[in-house]
Protein backbone atom coordinates (compact mmCIF):
# COMPACT_ATOMS: atom_id res chain seq x y z
CA MET A 1 9.49 13.35 7.47
CA ASN A 2 12.71 12.12 5.91
CA ARG A 3 13.08 11.84 2.14
CA SER A 4 12.81 8.05 2.14
CA LYS A 5 9.47 8.03 3.95
CA SER A 6 8.24 10.84 1.74
CA LEU A 7 9.18 8.90 -1.38
CA PHE A 8 7.45 5.75 -0.12
CA SER A 9 4.35 7.77 0.78
CA THR A 10 4.27 9.31 -2.69
CA ILE A 11 4.69 5.92 -4.38
CA GLU A 12 1.94 4.44 -2.19
CA LEU A 13 -0.34 7.34 -3.10
CA PHE A 14 0.15 7.01 -6.85
CA THR A 15 0.23 3.20 -7.08
CA GLY A 16 -2.37 2.32 -4.49
CA PHE A 17 0.09 -0.14 -2.96
CA THR A 18 0.25 -0.57 0.80
CA GLY A 19 3.64 -0.34 2.47
CA ASN A 20 3.90 -4.14 2.60
CA GLU A 21 2.90 -4.53 -1.04
CA LEU A 22 5.49 -1.96 -2.03
CA LYS A 23 8.22 -3.73 -0.06
CA LYS A 24 7.23 -7.07 -1.61
CA SER A 25 7.36 -5.57 -5.09
CA LEU A 26 10.77 -4.01 -4.49
CA ASN A 27 12.14 -7.25 -3.03
CA GLU A 28 10.84 -9.17 -6.03
CA LYS A 29 12.49 -6.75 -8.44
CA GLU A 30 15.74 -6.96 -6.50
CA ARG A 31 15.66 -10.77 -6.79
CA ILE A 32 15.08 -10.48 -10.53
CA LEU A 33 18.03 -8.09 -10.94
CA LYS A 34 20.33 -10.46 -9.02
CA TRP A 35 19.04 -13.37 -11.10
CA LEU A 36 19.73 -11.42 -14.32
CA VAL A 37 23.35 -11.00 -13.21
CA LYS A 38 23.72 -14.69 -12.28
CA GLN A 39 22.22 -15.74 -15.61
CA ASN A 40 24.48 -13.30 -17.47
CA ILE A 41 21.47 -11.63 -19.05
CA ASN A 42 22.89 -8.24 -19.95
CA THR A 43 21.76 -7.09 -23.38
CA VAL A 44 18.97 -4.60 -23.85
CA ASP A 45 16.94 -7.13 -25.84
CA ASN A 46 17.27 -9.94 -23.31
CA VAL A 47 16.65 -7.73 -20.29
CA GLY A 48 13.62 -6.32 -22.11
CA LYS A 49 12.27 -9.82 -22.74
CA VAL A 50 12.61 -10.68 -19.06
CA MET A 51 10.90 -7.46 -17.99
CA ALA A 52 8.08 -8.09 -20.47
CA GLU A 53 7.71 -11.56 -18.95
CA TYR A 54 7.61 -10.03 -15.47
CA TYR A 55 4.75 -7.72 -16.36
CA THR A 56 2.74 -10.29 -18.35
CA GLN A 57 3.45 -13.52 -16.45
CA PRO A 58 5.09 -12.65 -13.12
CA ASP A 59 4.39 -16.02 -11.48
CA TYR A 60 5.97 -17.87 -14.40
CA LEU A 61 9.12 -15.74 -14.26
CA MET A 62 9.42 -15.85 -10.48
CA LYS A 63 9.32 -19.65 -10.59
CA TYR A 64 12.62 -19.56 -12.52
CA VAL A 65 14.09 -16.77 -10.42
CA LYS A 66 13.37 -18.58 -7.14
CA LYS A 67 14.95 -21.79 -8.46
CA ASN A 68 17.84 -19.82 -9.99
CA LYS A 69 17.29 -21.57 -13.30
CA PRO A 70 17.58 -20.14 -16.81
CA LEU A 71 14.38 -18.97 -18.43
CA VAL A 72 13.46 -21.42 -21.15
């Protein structure tokens, strides 16, 4: 087993995510990171606020990310 598959298997084991759920989660986080760059959100405080939003209201945040609009 290569290291990548081993890592994914370990993450699946500890999170309970399926492979598809894990891929979806990683893709979502990648979109958020790209959106942070486009929105010029780069301070610890502002990135922290966005991450807090992601973990408390992910649908709300993703609505802005998908539309590439600033978070109000």
